[in-house]
Every structure is written in structure tokens, then in C-alpha cells.
PDB file of N, CA and C in Angstrom:
ATOM      1  N   MET A   1      -5.702 -29.510 -38.416  1.00  0.00           N
ATOM      2  CA  MET A   1      -4.073 -29.859 -38.871  1.00  0.00           C
ATOM      3  C   MET A   1      -3.592 -29.126 -37.546  1.00  0.00           C
ATOM      4  N   GLN A   2      -2.947 -30.332 -36.635  1.00  0.00           N
ATOM      5  CA  GLN A   2      -1.709 -29.578 -35.782  1.00  0.00           C
ATOM      6  C   GLN A   2      -0.696 -29.736 -36.360  1.00  0.00           C
ATOM      7  N   ARG A   3       0.086 -28.606 -35.826  1.00  0.00           N
ATOM      8  CA  ARG A   3       1.317 -28.353 -36.366  1.00  0.00           C
ATOM      9  C   ARG A   3       2.236 -28.888 -35.088  1.00  0.00           C
ATOM     10  N   LYS A   4       3.550 -29.509 -35.724  1.00  0.00           N
ATOM     11  CA  LYS A   4       4.381 -30.049 -35.053  1.00  0.00           C
ATOM     12  C   LYS A   4       4.910 -29.026 -33.807  1.00  0.00           C
ATOM     13  N   LYS A   5       5.285 -29.464 -32.906  1.00  0.00           N
ATOM     14  CA  LYS A   5       6.238 -28.683 -32.003  1.00  0.00           C
ATOM     15  C   LYS A   5       7.444 -28.600 -32.265  1.00  0.00           C
ATOM     16  N   PRO A   6       8.195 -27.406 -32.381  1.00  0.00           N
ATOM     17  CA  PRO A   6       9.368 -27.449 -33.079  1.00  0.00           C
ATOM     18  C   PRO A   6      10.595 -27.932 -31.685  1.00  0.00           C
ATOM     19  N   THR A   7      11.423 -28.740 -32.490  1.00  0.00           N
ATOM     20  CA  THR A   7      12.231 -29.798 -31.465  1.00  0.00           C
ATOM     21  C   THR A   7      13.445 -28.220 -30.907  1.00  0.00           C
ATOM     22  N   ILE A   8      13.406 -28.278 -29.609  1.00  0.00           N
ATOM     23  CA  ILE A   8      14.242 -27.636 -28.713  1.00  0.00           C
ATOM     24  C   ILE A   8      15.448 -28.289 -28.688  1.00  0.00           C
ATOM     25  N   ARG A   9      16.687 -27.854 -28.812  1.00  0.00           N
ATOM     26  CA  ARG A   9      17.952 -28.694 -29.016  1.00  0.00           C
ATOM     27  C   ARG A   9      18.894 -27.493 -27.609  1.00  0.00           C
ATOM     28  N   LYS A  10      19.021 -28.483 -26.717  1.00  0.00           N
ATOM     29  CA  LYS A  10      19.891 -27.751 -25.564  1.00  0.00           C
ATOM     30  C   LYS A  10      21.319 -27.959 -25.838  1.00  0.00           C
ATOM     31  N   LYS A  11      21.934 -26.738 -25.677  1.00  0.00           N
ATOM     32  CA  LYS A  11      23.471 -27.234 -25.626  1.00  0.00           C
ATOM     33  C   LYS A  11      23.635 -27.588 -24.458  1.00  0.00           C
ATOM     34  N   ILE A  12      24.476 -28.496 -24.227  1.00  0.00           N
ATOM     35  CA  ILE A  12      25.198 -29.408 -23.135  1.00  0.00           C
ATOM     36  C   ILE A  12      26.510 -28.906 -23.288  1.00  0.00           C
ATOM     37  N   ARG A  13      27.140 -28.168 -22.124  1.00  0.00           N
ATOM     38  CA  ARG A  13      28.523 -28.044 -22.061  1.00  0.00           C
ATOM     39  C   ARG A  13      29.046 -29.127 -21.235  1.00  0.00           C
ATOM     40  N   SER A  14      30.287 -29.424 -21.419  1.00  0.00           N
ATOM     41  CA  SER A  14      31.235 -30.529 -20.866  1.00  0.00           C
ATOM     42  C   SER A  14      31.842 -29.662 -19.424  1.00  0.00           C
ATOM     43  N   CYS A  15      31.523 -30.247 -18.483  1.00  0.00           N
ATOM     44  CA  CYS A  15      32.219 -29.647 -17.415  1.00  0.00           C
ATOM     45  C   CYS A  15      33.793 -30.280 -16.919  1.00  0.00           C
ATOM     46  N   LYS A  16      34.481 -29.381 -17.439  1.00  0.00           N
ATOM     47  CA  LYS A  16      36.088 -30.000 -17.526  1.00  0.00           C
ATOM     48  C   LYS A  16      36.829 -30.441 -16.014  1.00  0.00           C
ATOM     49  N   LYS A  17      35.887 -29.846 -14.820  1.00  0.00           N
ATOM     50  CA  LYS A  17      36.288 -29.943 -13.479  1.00  0.00           C
ATOM     51  C   LYS A  17      35.876 -31.237 -13.013  1.00  0.00           C
ATOM     52  N   VAL A  18      36.881 -31.847 -12.518  1.00  0.00           N
ATOM     53  CA  VAL A  18      36.949 -33.246 -12.080  1.00  0.00           C
ATOM     54  C   VAL A  18      36.708 -33.597 -10.593  1.00  0.00           C
ATOM     55  N   GLN A  19      35.321 -34.015 -10.193  1.00  0.00           N
ATOM     56  CA  GLN A  19      34.949 -34.313  -8.805  1.00  0.00           C
ATOM     57  C   GLN A  19      35.950 -35.003  -7.864  1.00  0.00           C
ATOM     58  N   ARG A  20      36.337 -34.681  -7.312  1.00  0.00           N
ATOM     59  CA  ARG A  20      37.714 -35.470  -5.898  1.00  0.00           C
ATOM     60  C   ARG A  20      36.477 -35.645  -5.036  1.00  0.00           C
ATOM     61  N   HIS A  21      37.227 -36.982  -4.648  1.00  0.00           N
ATOM     62  CA  HIS A  21      36.494 -37.634  -3.446  1.00  0.00           C
ATOM     63  C   HIS A  21      36.331 -36.890  -2.107  1.00  0.00           C
ATOM     64  N   VAL A  22      35.126 -37.237  -1.304  1.00  0.00           N
ATOM     65  CA  VAL A  22      34.378 -36.592  -0.021  1.00  0.00           C
ATOM     66  C   VAL A  22      34.389 -37.972   1.043  1.00  0.00           C
ATOM     67  N   HIS A  23      34.290 -37.536   2.537  1.00  0.00           N
ATOM     68  CA  HIS A  23      34.228 -38.542   3.216  1.00  0.00           C
ATOM     69  C   HIS A  23      32.946 -38.268   4.117  1.00  0.00           C
ATOM     70  N   GLU A  24      32.082 -39.102   4.740  1.00  0.00           N
ATOM     71  CA  GLU A  24      30.983 -39.001   5.366  1.00  0.00           C
ATOM     72  C   GLU A  24      31.869 -38.784   7.184  1.00  0.00           C
ATOM     73  N   PHE A  25      31.142 -38.321   8.037  1.00  0.00           N
ATOM     74  CA  PHE A  25      31.616 -38.230   9.338  1.00  0.00           C
ATOM     75  C   PHE A  25      30.408 -38.026  10.180  1.00  0.00           C
ATOM     76  N   GLU A  26      30.948 -38.647  11.478  1.00  0.00           N
ATOM     77  CA  GLU A  26      29.705 -38.501  12.819  1.00  0.00           C
ATOM     78  C   GLU A  26      30.808 -38.415  13.876  1.00  0.00           C
ATOM     79  N   GLY A  27      30.155 -37.713  14.649  1.00  0.00           N
ATOM     80  CA  GLY A  27      31.025 -37.483  16.178  1.00  0.00           C
ATOM     81  C   GLY A  27      30.248 -37.148  17.447  1.00  0.00           C
ATOM     82  N   SER A  28      30.627 -36.594  18.137  1.00  0.00           N
ATOM     83  CA  SER A  28      30.045 -35.908  18.959  1.00  0.00           C
ATOM     84  C   SER A  28      31.484 -35.185  19.833  1.00  0.00           C
ATOM     85  N   THR A  29      30.434 -34.122  20.456  1.00  0.00           N
ATOM     86  CA  THR A  29      31.743 -32.937  21.167  1.00  0.00           C
ATOM     87  C   THR A  29      32.075 -33.398  22.297  1.00  0.00           C
ATOM     88  N   LYS A  30      32.942 -33.099  23.280  1.00  0.00           N
ATOM     89  CA  LYS A  30      32.994 -33.395  24.358  1.00  0.00           C
ATOM     90  C   LYS A  30      32.031 -32.499  25.420  1.00  0.00           C
ATOM     91  N   GLN A  31      31.835 -32.921  26.853  1.00  0.00           N
ATOM     92  CA  GLN A  31      31.283 -32.147  27.180  1.00  0.00           C
ATOM     93  C   GLN A  31      31.336 -30.388  27.850  1.00  0.00           C
ATOM     94  N   ALA A  32      30.413 -29.313  28.002  1.00  0.00           N
ATOM     95  CA  ALA A  32      30.830 -28.094  28.179  1.00  0.00           C
ATOM     96  C   ALA A  32      29.940 -27.664  29.445  1.00  0.00           C
ATOM     97  N   GLU A  33      30.165 -26.740  30.191  1.00  0.00           N
ATOM     98  CA  GLU A  33      29.434 -25.982  31.169  1.00  0.00           C
ATOM     99  C   GLU A  33      29.387 -27.232  32.165  1.00  0.00           C
ATOM    100  N   GLU A  34      28.946 -26.560  33.428  1.00  0.00           N
ATOM    101  CA  GLU A  34      28.661 -27.482  34.471  1.00  0.00           C
ATOM    102  C   GLU A  34      27.631 -27.637  35.227  1.00  0.00           C
ATOM    103  N   GLY A  35      27.176 -28.410  36.058  1.00  0.00           N
ATOM    104  CA  GLY A  35      25.601 -28.890  36.802  1.00  0.00           C
ATOM    105  C   GLY A  35      24.535 -29.376  35.985  1.00  0.00           C
ATOM    106  N   ASP A  36      23.392 -28.934  35.936  1.00  0.00           N
ATOM    107  CA  ASP A  36      22.427 -28.997  35.069  1.00  0.00           C
ATOM    108  C   ASP A  36      22.821 -28.851  33.671  1.00  0.00           C
ATOM    109  N   ASP A  37      23.408 -27.796  33.101  1.00  0.00           N
ATOM    110  CA  ASP A  37      23.781 -27.413  31.963  1.00  0.00           C
ATOM    111  C   ASP A  37      24.831 -27.784  31.279  1.00  0.00           C
ATOM    112  N   ARG A  38      25.520 -28.587  32.209  1.00  0.00           N
ATOM    113  CA  ARG A  38      26.501 -29.767  31.597  1.00  0.00           C
ATOM    114  C   ARG A  38      26.075 -30.517  30.319  1.00  0.00           C
ATOM    115  N   HIS A  39      26.403 -30.631  28.828  1.00  0.00           N
ATOM    116  CA  HIS A  39      25.808 -31.277  27.877  1.00  0.00           C
ATOM    117  C   HIS A  39      27.084 -31.477  26.873  1.00  0.00           C
ATOM    118  N   ASN A  40      26.695 -31.978  25.850  1.00  0.00           N
ATOM    119  CA  ASN A  40      27.602 -32.439  24.616  1.00  0.00           C
ATOM    120  C   ASN A  40      26.658 -32.341  23.570  1.00  0.00           C
ATOM    121  N   HIS A  41      26.998 -32.233  22.127  1.00  0.00           N
ATOM    122  CA  HIS A  41      26.343 -32.338  21.255  1.00  0.00           C
ATOM    123  C   HIS A  41      26.995 -33.046  20.147  1.00  0.00           C
ATOM    124  N   ARG A  42      25.623 -33.962  19.263  1.00  0.00           N
ATOM    125  CA  ARG A  42      26.235 -35.033  18.367  1.00  0.00           C
ATOM    126  C   ARG A  42      25.933 -34.355  16.963  1.00  0.00           C
ATOM    127  N   PHE A  43      26.939 -34.994  16.208  1.00  0.00           N
ATOM    128  CA  PHE A  43      26.991 -34.183  14.595  1.00  0.00           C
ATOM    129  C   PHE A  43      27.337 -35.219  13.324  1.00  0.00           C
ATOM    130  N   ALA A  44      26.536 -35.015  12.216  1.00  0.00           N
ATOM    131  CA  ALA A  44      26.864 -35.930  11.133  1.00  0.00           C
ATOM    132  C   ALA A  44      27.164 -34.922   9.933  1.00  0.00           C
ATOM    133  N   GLY A  45      27.668 -35.196   8.764  1.00  0.00           N
ATOM    134  CA  GLY A  45      28.045 -34.784   7.678  1.00  0.00           C
ATOM    135  C   GLY A  45      28.783 -34.766   6.759  1.00  0.00           C
ATOM    136  N   VAL A  46      28.710 -34.235   5.637  1.00  0.00           N
ATOM    137  CA  VAL A  46      29.952 -34.772   4.604  1.00  0.00           C
ATOM    138  C   VAL A  46      31.142 -33.684   4.520  1.00  0.00           C
ATOM    139  N   THR A  47      32.149 -34.054   4.292  1.00  0.00           N
ATOM    140  CA  THR A  47      33.599 -32.816   4.126  1.00  0.00           C
ATOM    141  C   THR A  47      33.226 -32.090   2.786  1.00  0.00           C
ATOM    142  N   GLY A  48      34.255 -31.487   2.492  1.00  0.00           N
ATOM    143  CA  GLY A  48      34.332 -31.082   0.893  1.00  0.00           C
ATOM    144  C   GLY A  48      35.378 -31.891   0.045  1.00  0.00           C
ATOM    145  N   GLN A  49      35.229 -31.432  -1.116  1.00  0.00           N
ATOM    146  CA  GLN A  49      36.283 -32.274  -1.773  1.00  0.00           C
ATOM    147  C   GLN A  49      37.593 -32.374  -1.482  1.00  0.00           C
ATOM    148  N   ALA A  50      38.349 -33.228  -1.955  1.00  0.00           N
ATOM    149  CA  ALA A  50      39.902 -33.191  -1.481  1.00  0.00           C
ATOM    150  C   ALA A  50      40.737 -31.848  -2.000  1.00  0.00           C
ATOM    151  N   ILE A  51      41.480 -31.609  -0.870  1.00  0.00           N
ATOM    152  CA  ILE A  51      42.470 -30.495  -1.008  1.00  0.00           C
ATOM    153  C   ILE A  51      43.775 -30.798  -1.309  1.00  0.00           C
ATOM    154  N   ARG A  52      44.512 -31.052  -2.100  1.00  0.00           N
ATOM    155  CA  ARG A  52      45.667 -31.194  -2.106  1.00  0.00           C
ATOM    156  C   ARG A  52      47.015 -30.132  -1.596  1.00  0.00           C
ATOM    157  N   VAL A  53      47.557 -31.367  -0.817  1.00  0.00           N
ATOM    158  CA  VAL A  53      48.428 -30.539   0.016  1.00  0.00           C
ATOM    159  C   VAL A  53      49.523 -31.299   0.296  1.00  0.00           C
ATOM    160  N   GLY A  54      50.857 -31.010  -0.601  1.00  0.00           N
ATOM    161  CA  GLY A  54      52.013 -31.808  -0.340  1.00  0.00           C
ATOM    162  C   GLY A  54      51.562 -33.406  -1.493  1.00  0.00           C
ATOM    163  N   LYS A  55      52.287 -33.988  -0.607  1.00  0.00           N
ATOM    164  CA  LYS A  55      51.960 -35.777  -1.181  1.00  0.00           C
ATOM    165  C   LYS A  55      51.114 -36.459  -0.926  1.00  0.00           C
ATOM    166  N   SER A  56      49.918 -35.442  -0.164  1.00  0.00           N
ATOM    167  CA  SER A  56      48.554 -35.897   0.470  1.00  0.00           C
ATOM    168  C   SER A  56      47.752 -35.031   0.510  1.00  0.00           C
ATOM    169  N   HIS A  57      46.492 -35.265   1.207  1.00  0.00           N
ATOM    170  CA  HIS A  57      45.191 -34.020   0.825  1.00  0.00           C
ATOM    171  C   HIS A  57      44.602 -33.919   2.467  1.00  0.00           C
ATOM    172  N   VAL A  58      43.755 -32.878   1.984  1.00  0.00           N
ATOM    173  CA  VAL A  58      42.936 -32.539   3.480  1.00  0.00           C
ATOM    174  C   VAL A  58      41.704 -32.612   2.428  1.00  0.00           C
ATOM    175  N   HIS A  59      40.568 -31.975   3.893  1.00  0.00           N
ATOM    176  CA  HIS A  59      39.456 -31.822   3.326  1.00  0.00           C
ATOM    177  C   HIS A  59      38.709 -30.610   4.337  1.00  0.00           C
ATOM    178  N   ASP A  60      37.792 -29.753   3.710  1.00  0.00           N
ATOM    179  CA  ASP A  60      37.507 -28.653   4.788  1.00  0.00           C
ATOM    180  C   ASP A  60      35.822 -29.267   5.565  1.00  0.00           C
ATOM    181  N   ILE A  61      35.646 -28.942   6.277  1.00  0.00           N
ATOM    182  CA  ILE A  61      34.467 -29.198   7.151  1.00  0.00           C
ATOM    183  C   ILE A  61      33.501 -27.702   7.418  1.00  0.00           C
ATOM    184  N   ASP A  62      32.637 -27.931   7.105  1.00  0.00           N
ATOM    185  CA  ASP A  62      31.571 -26.480   7.640  1.00  0.00           C
ATOM    186  C   ASP A  62      29.998 -27.263   7.525  1.00  0.00           C
ATOM    187  N   LEU A  63      29.741 -27.632   8.922  1.00  0.00           N
ATOM    188  CA  LEU A  63      28.711 -28.018   9.373  1.00  0.00           C
ATOM    189  C   LEU A  63      27.894 -26.634   9.996  1.00  0.00           C
ATOM    190  N   THR A  64      26.692 -26.848   9.550  1.00  0.00           N
ATOM    191  CA  THR A  64      25.743 -25.548  10.073  1.00  0.00           C
ATOM    192  C   THR A  64      25.472 -25.671  11.680  1.00  0.00           C
ATOM    193  N   ASN A  65      24.753 -26.792  11.792  1.00  0.00           N
ATOM    194  CA  ASN A  65      24.625 -26.979  13.152  1.00  0.00           C
ATOM    195  C   ASN A  65      24.545 -28.204  14.013  1.00  0.00           C
ATOM    196  N   THR A  66      24.984 -27.866  15.407  1.00  0.00           N
ATOM    197  CA  THR A  66      24.806 -29.373  16.023  1.00  0.00           C
ATOM    198  C   THR A  66      23.833 -28.760  16.980  1.00  0.00           C
ATOM    199  N   ASP A  67      23.095 -29.850  17.663  1.00  0.00           N
ATOM    200  CA  ASP A  67      21.568 -29.417  18.002  1.00  0.00           C
ATOM    201  C   ASP A  67      21.610 -30.173  19.453  1.00  0.00           C
ATOM    202  N   PHE A  68      21.182 -29.116  20.920  1.00  0.00           N
ATOM    203  CA  PHE A  68      20.976 -29.766  21.892  1.00  0.00           C
ATOM    204  C   PHE A  68      19.913 -29.047  22.571  1.00  0.00           C
ATOM    205  N   PHE A  69      18.679 -29.328  22.478  1.00  0.00           N
ATOM    206  CA  PHE A  69      17.426 -28.616  22.845  1.00  0.00           C
ATOM    207  C   PHE A  69      17.135 -27.114  22.648  1.00  0.00           C
ATOM    208  N   ASN A  70      17.735 -27.069  21.457  1.00  0.00           N
ATOM    209  CA  ASN A  70      17.230 -25.410  20.695  1.00  0.00           C
ATOM    210  C   ASN A  70      18.610 -24.875  21.097  1.00  0.00           C
ATOM    211  N   HIS A  71      19.703 -25.446  21.350  1.00  0.00           N
ATOM    212  CA  HIS A  71      21.123 -24.860  21.445  1.00  0.00           C
ATOM    213  C   HIS A  71      21.973 -24.919  20.643  1.00  0.00           C
ATOM    214  N   PHE A  72      22.609 -24.172  19.706  1.00  0.00           N
ATOM    215  CA  PHE A  72      23.314 -24.451  18.343  1.00  0.00           C
ATOM    216  C   PHE A  72      24.400 -24.178  18.839  1.00  0.00           C
ATOM    217  N   HIS A  73      25.767 -24.954  17.974  1.00  0.00           N
ATOM    218  CA  HIS A  73      26.828 -24.312  18.019  1.00  0.00           C
ATOM    219  C   HIS A  73      27.171 -24.680  16.321  1.00  0.00           C
ATOM    220  N   LYS A  74      28.524 -24.758  15.726  1.00  0.00           N
ATOM    221  CA  LYS A  74      28.623 -24.856  14.342  1.00  0.00           C
ATOM    222  C   LYS A  74      30.135 -25.199  14.322  1.00  0.00           C
ATOM    223  N   LEU A  75      30.341 -26.370  13.348  1.00  0.00           N
ATOM    224  CA  LEU A  75      31.645 -26.434  12.882  1.00  0.00           C
ATOM    225  C   LEU A  75      32.163 -25.700  11.926  1.00  0.00           C
ATOM    226  N   LYS A  76      32.955 -24.660  11.915  1.00  0.00           N
ATOM    227  CA  LYS A  76      33.155 -23.502  10.762  1.00  0.00           C
ATOM    228  C   LYS A  76      34.743 -23.784  10.577  1.00  0.00           C
ATOM    229  N   LYS A  77      35.012 -23.791   9.668  1.00  0.00           N
ATOM    230  CA  LYS A  77      36.260 -23.738   9.164  1.00  0.00           C
ATOM    231  C   LYS A  77      37.547 -24.781   9.632  1.00  0.00           C
ATOM    232  N   ILE A  78      36.692 -25.640   9.793  1.00  0.00           N
ATOM    233  CA  ILE A  78      37.455 -26.747  10.074  1.00  0.00           C
ATOM    234  C   ILE A  78      38.001 -27.526   9.110  1.00  0.00           C
ATOM    235  N   ARG A  79      39.544 -28.318   9.513  1.00  0.00           N
ATOM    236  CA  ARG A  79      39.969 -28.895   8.402  1.00  0.00           C
ATOM    237  C   ARG A  79      40.917 -29.888   8.834  1.00  0.00           C
ATOM    238  N   THR A  80      40.395 -31.049   7.848  1.00  0.00           N
ATOM    239  CA  THR A  80      40.723 -32.588   8.512  1.00  0.00           C
ATOM    240  C   THR A  80      42.455 -32.603   8.268  1.00  0.00           C
ATOM    241  N   GLY A  81      42.820 -33.835   8.914  1.00  0.00           N
ATOM    242  CA  GLY A  81      44.606 -33.851   8.723  1.00  0.00           C
ATOM    243  C   GLY A  81      44.575 -34.490   7.597  1.00  0.00           C
ATOM    244  N   PRO A  82      46.021 -34.710   7.417  1.00  0.00           N
ATOM    245  CA  PRO A  82      46.386 -35.329   6.252  1.00  0.00           C
ATOM    246  C   PRO A  82      45.562 -37.092   6.016  1.00  0.00           C
ATOM    247  N   ALA A  83      45.565 -37.800   4.950  1.00  0.00           N
ATOM    248  CA  ALA A  83      44.895 -38.914   4.691  1.00  0.00           C
ATOM    249  C   ALA A  83      45.962 -40.244   5.518  1.00  0.00           C
ATOM    250  N   ILE A  84      45.085 -41.029   6.204  1.00  0.00           N
ATOM    251  CA  ILE A  84      45.668 -42.106   6.731  1.00  0.00           C
ATOM    252  C   ILE A  84      45.370 -43.419   6.190  1.00  0.00           C
ATOM    253  N   PRO A  85      46.322 -44.130   5.492  1.00  0.00           N
ATOM    254  CA  PRO A  85      45.820 -45.381   4.750  1.00  0.00           C
ATOM    255  C   PRO A  85      45.311 -46.206   5.691  1.00  0.00           C
ATOM    256  N   VAL A  86      44.353 -46.940   5.603  1.00  0.00           N
ATOM    257  CA  VAL A  86      43.862 -48.372   6.080  1.00  0.00           C
ATOM    258  C   VAL A  86      43.925 -49.609   5.774  1.00  0.00           C
ATOM    259  N   GLY A  87      44.375 -49.433   4.286  1.00  0.00           N
ATOM    260  CA  GLY A  87      44.574 -50.930   3.895  1.00  0.00           C
ATOM    261  C   GLY A  87      43.653 -51.070   2.204  1.00  0.00           C
ATOM    262  N   ASN A  88      44.238 -51.855   1.244  1.00  0.00           N
ATOM    263  CA  ASN A  88      43.235 -51.644   0.119  1.00  0.00           C
ATOM    264  C   ASN A  88      42.825 -50.324  -0.326  1.00  0.00           C
ATOM    265  N   GLY A  89      44.091 -49.565  -0.146  1.00  0.00           N
ATOM    266  CA  GLY A  89      43.949 -48.366  -1.458  1.00  0.00           C
ATOM    267  C   GLY A  89      43.184 -47.364  -0.300  1.00  0.00           C
ATOM    268  N   LYS A  90      42.689 -47.545   0.548  1.00  0.00           N
ATOM    269  CA  LYS A  90      41.608 -46.803   1.439  1.00  0.00           C
ATOM    270  C   LYS A  90      41.820 -45.626   2.291  1.00  0.00           C
ATOM    271  N   HIS A  91      41.390 -44.877   2.867  1.00  0.00           N
ATOM    272  CA  HIS A  91      42.064 -44.071   3.797  1.00  0.00           C
ATOM    273  C   HIS A  91      40.978 -43.229   4.547  1.00  0.00           C
ATOM    274  N   VAL A  92      41.313 -42.935   5.658  1.00  0.00           N
ATOM    275  CA  VAL A  92      40.401 -41.781   6.539  1.00  0.00           C
ATOM    276  C   VAL A  92      41.400 -40.625   6.989  1.00  0.00           C
ATOM    277  N   HIS A  93      40.268 -39.711   7.522  1.00  0.00           N
ATOM    278  CA  HIS A  93      41.089 -38.386   8.362  1.00  0.00           C
ATOM    279  C   HIS A  93      40.788 -38.157   9.633  1.00  0.00           C
ATOM    280  N   PHE A  94      42.082 -37.947  10.248  1.00  0.00           N
ATOM    281  CA  PHE A  94      41.724 -37.368  11.614  1.00  0.00           C
ATOM    282  C   PHE A  94      41.340 -35.854  11.939  1.00  0.00           C
ATOM    283  N   VAL A  95      40.534 -35.648  12.773  1.00  0.00           N
ATOM    284  CA  VAL A  95      39.883 -34.221  12.648  1.00  0.00           C
ATOM    285  C   VAL A  95      39.960 -33.766  14.069  1.00  0.00           C
ATOM    286  N   THR A  96      40.513 -32.893  14.836  1.00  0.00           N
ATOM    287  CA  THR A  96      40.341 -32.232  15.706  1.00  0.00           C
ATOM    288  C   THR A  96      39.840 -30.532  15.716  1.00  0.00           C
ATOM    289  N   GLY A  97      39.334 -30.040  16.591  1.00  0.00           N
ATOM    290  CA  GLY A  97      38.945 -28.498  16.752  1.00  0.00           C
ATOM    291  C   GLY A  97      37.747 -28.293  17.746  1.00  0.00           C
ATOM    292  N   GLN A  98      37.085 -27.027  17.527  1.00  0.00           N
ATOM    293  CA  GLN A  98      36.354 -26.677  18.633  1.00  0.00           C
ATOM    294  C   GLN A  98      35.073 -25.911  17.827  1.00  0.00           C
ATOM    295  N   THR A  99      33.858 -25.987  18.304  1.00  0.00           N
ATOM    296  CA  THR A  99      32.452 -25.463  17.843  1.00  0.00           C
ATOM    297  C   THR A  99      32.774 -23.842  18.172  1.00  0.00           C
ATOM    298  N   THR A 100      32.003 -23.481  17.360  1.00  0.00           N
ATOM    299  CA  THR A 100      31.740 -22.135  17.441  1.00  0.00           C
ATOM    300  C   THR A 100      31.345 -21.682  19.051  1.00  0.00           C
ATOM    301  N   LEU A 101      31.317 -20.395  19.170  1.00  0.00           N
ATOM    302  CA  LEU A 101      30.773 -19.836  20.453  1.00  0.00           C
ATOM    303  C   LEU A 101      29.488 -19.727  20.697  1.00  0.00           C
ATOM    304  N   ASN A 102      28.882 -20.259  21.813  1.00  0.00           N
ATOM    305  CA  ASN A 102      27.381 -20.101  21.818  1.00  0.00           C
ATOM    306  C   ASN A 102      27.012 -20.285  23.432  1.00  0.00           C
ATOM    307  N   ASP A 103      26.504 -19.304  23.706  1.00  0.00           N
ATOM    308  CA  ASP A 103      25.837 -19.454  25.437  1.00  0.00           C
ATOM    309  C   ASP A 103      27.213 -19.621  26.622  1.00  0.00           C
ATOM    310  N   GLY A 104      28.240 -18.590  25.998  1.00  0.00           N
ATOM    311  CA  GLY A 104      29.647 -18.573  26.890  1.00  0.00           C
ATOM    312  C   GLY A 104      30.632 -19.632  26.669  1.00  0.00           C
ATOM    313  N   HIS A 105      30.311 -20.492  25.650  1.00  0.00           N
ATOM    314  CA  HIS A 105      31.058 -21.625  25.889  1.00  0.00           C
ATOM    315  C   HIS A 105      31.609 -22.290  24.275  1.00  0.00           C
ATOM    316  N   VAL A 106      32.394 -23.384  24.432  1.00  0.00           N
ATOM    317  CA  VAL A 106      32.497 -23.759  23.134  1.00  0.00           C
ATOM    318  C   VAL A 106      32.576 -25.507  23.380  1.00  0.00           C
ATOM    319  N   HIS A 107      32.683 -26.102  22.505  1.00  0.00           N
ATOM    320  CA  HIS A 107      33.075 -27.542  22.777  1.00  0.00           C
ATOM    321  C   HIS A 107      34.146 -28.278  21.975  1.00  0.00           C
ATOM    322  N   GLN A 108      34.913 -29.044  22.792  1.00  0.00           N
ATOM    323  CA  GLN A 108      36.285 -29.508  21.667  1.00  0.00           C
ATOM    324  C   GLN A 108      35.457 -30.948  21.142  1.00  0.00           C
ATOM    325  N   PHE A 109      36.304 -31.228  19.940  1.00  0.00           N
ATOM    326  CA  PHE A 109      35.802 -32.899  19.416  1.00  0.00           C
ATOM    327  C   PHE A 109      37.165 -33.395  18.957  1.00  0.00           C
ATOM    328  N   LYS A 110      37.157 -34.591  18.890  1.00  0.00           N
ATOM    329  CA  LYS A 110      37.800 -35.582  17.947  1.00  0.00           C
ATOM    330  C   LYS A 110      37.395 -36.546  17.456  1.00  0.00           C
ATOM    331  N   PHE A 111      37.519 -36.514  16.384  1.00  0.00           N
ATOM    332  CA  PHE A 111      36.834 -37.927  15.466  1.00  0.00           C
ATOM    333  C   PHE A 111      37.992 -38.070  14.270  1.00  0.00           C
ATOM    334  N   ALA A 112      37.128 -39.174  13.649  1.00  0.00           N
ATOM    335  CA  ALA A 112      38.101 -39.680  12.434  1.00  0.00           C
ATOM    336  C   ALA A 112      36.700 -39.894  11.359  1.00  0.00           C
ATOM    337  N   THR A 113      37.305 -39.449  10.044  1.00  0.00           N
ATOM    338  CA  THR A 113      36.241 -39.253   8.915  1.00  0.00           C
ATOM    339  C   THR A 113      36.006 -41.212   8.782  1.00  0.00           C
ATOM    340  N   LEU A 114      34.897 -41.654   8.010  1.00  0.00           N
ATOM    341  CA  LEU A 114      34.564 -42.608   7.572  1.00  0.00           C
ATOM    342  C   LEU A 114      35.430 -43.031   6.345  1.00  0.00           C
ATOM    343  N   ILE A 115      35.761 -44.091   5.874  1.00  0.00           N
ATOM    344  CA  ILE A 115      36.461 -44.366   4.403  1.00  0.00           C
ATOM    345  C   ILE A 115      35.870 -43.943   3.252  1.00  0.00           C
ATOM    346  N   GLN A 116      36.694 -43.553   2.453  1.00  0.00           N
ATOM    347  CA  GLN A 116      36.085 -43.063   1.122  1.00  0.00           C
ATOM    348  C   GLN A 116      35.360 -44.288   0.600  1.00  0.00           C
ATOM    349  N   ALA A 117      34.415 -43.545  -0.455  1.00  0.00           N
ATOM    350  CA  ALA A 117      33.748 -44.570  -1.386  1.00  0.00           C
ATOM    351  C   ALA A 117      33.838 -46.241  -0.745  1.00  0.00           C
ATOM    352  N   PRO A 118      32.990 -46.249   0.146  1.00  0.00           N
ATOM    353  CA  PRO A 118      33.364 -47.630   1.207  1.00  0.00           C
ATOM    354  C   PRO A 118      32.859 -48.791   0.009  1.00  0.00           C
ATOM    355  N   LEU A 119      31.625 -48.744  -0.600  1.00  0.00           N
ATOM    356  CA  LEU A 119      31.291 -49.568  -1.879  1.00  0.00           C
ATOM    357  C   LEU A 119      31.931 -50.017  -2.647  1.00  0.00           C
ATOM    358  N   VAL A 120      33.051 -49.289  -2.712  1.00  0.00           N
ATOM    359  CA  VAL A 120      33.638 -49.184  -4.310  1.00  0.00           C
ATOM    360  C   VAL A 120      35.265 -50.184  -4.102  1.00  0.00           C
TER     361      VAL A 120
END
């Protein structure tokens, strides 16, 4: 006679935190260095969740690596500008900044995030 395994019930805690939206982004840095070492970097990622600022909001960006032939930079502690309406209740954010220092140089960048929740 086989014994029935006891039913294990897990308590599921409800999470009261509400997830706010994020944005995908992609871009390229401006070129740096001179001669044969002149180069730029491409990058892509997802912002952090919305952070309320006044009547708008911003997002943090913390991208680990941009890569160019094993030469790396990071986008650390970057914050988007406020929301820019683009119609139908949607918005984007403008972002400017510079990468971390590596091999004696940094790269400047400017880009706009993609529209939040594009399929909704």
C-alpha cells in the first residue's frame, strides 16, 4: 500500500509594489581618439523603472558594457530627461551623457528612448 504524499501548500505573499514602466533604448557614442584608434561604440538596453520628478518622471540607465574589439566602456549613473509626449498618451525621453573613462578617453552620446509599451 502506497502512502499519499502530503500536500505542501506554499504561502504566496502579495507584493504591494507596483511596477512602473520602462523603456528600451539603443544608440551609438560619438567617436573618440585619433588615427587608427578612432572609434565609437554601439549599445542597447532597458531603463530602470519610472522615478517621479515633479509633474513628470525620469529613468536611470546603468549599462554594464559597450564593446569595440574588447575595449569596454560603461554607461553608469545616467538619468534620462523628463517625459516628452509623442501623441496617443505615449512618450519618450532624451538622454545625454558620457561613458566611463577607459584607455585614456570617454565617449559622448545623445539618444532618445523608444516609446514605452509600444504594443499596448
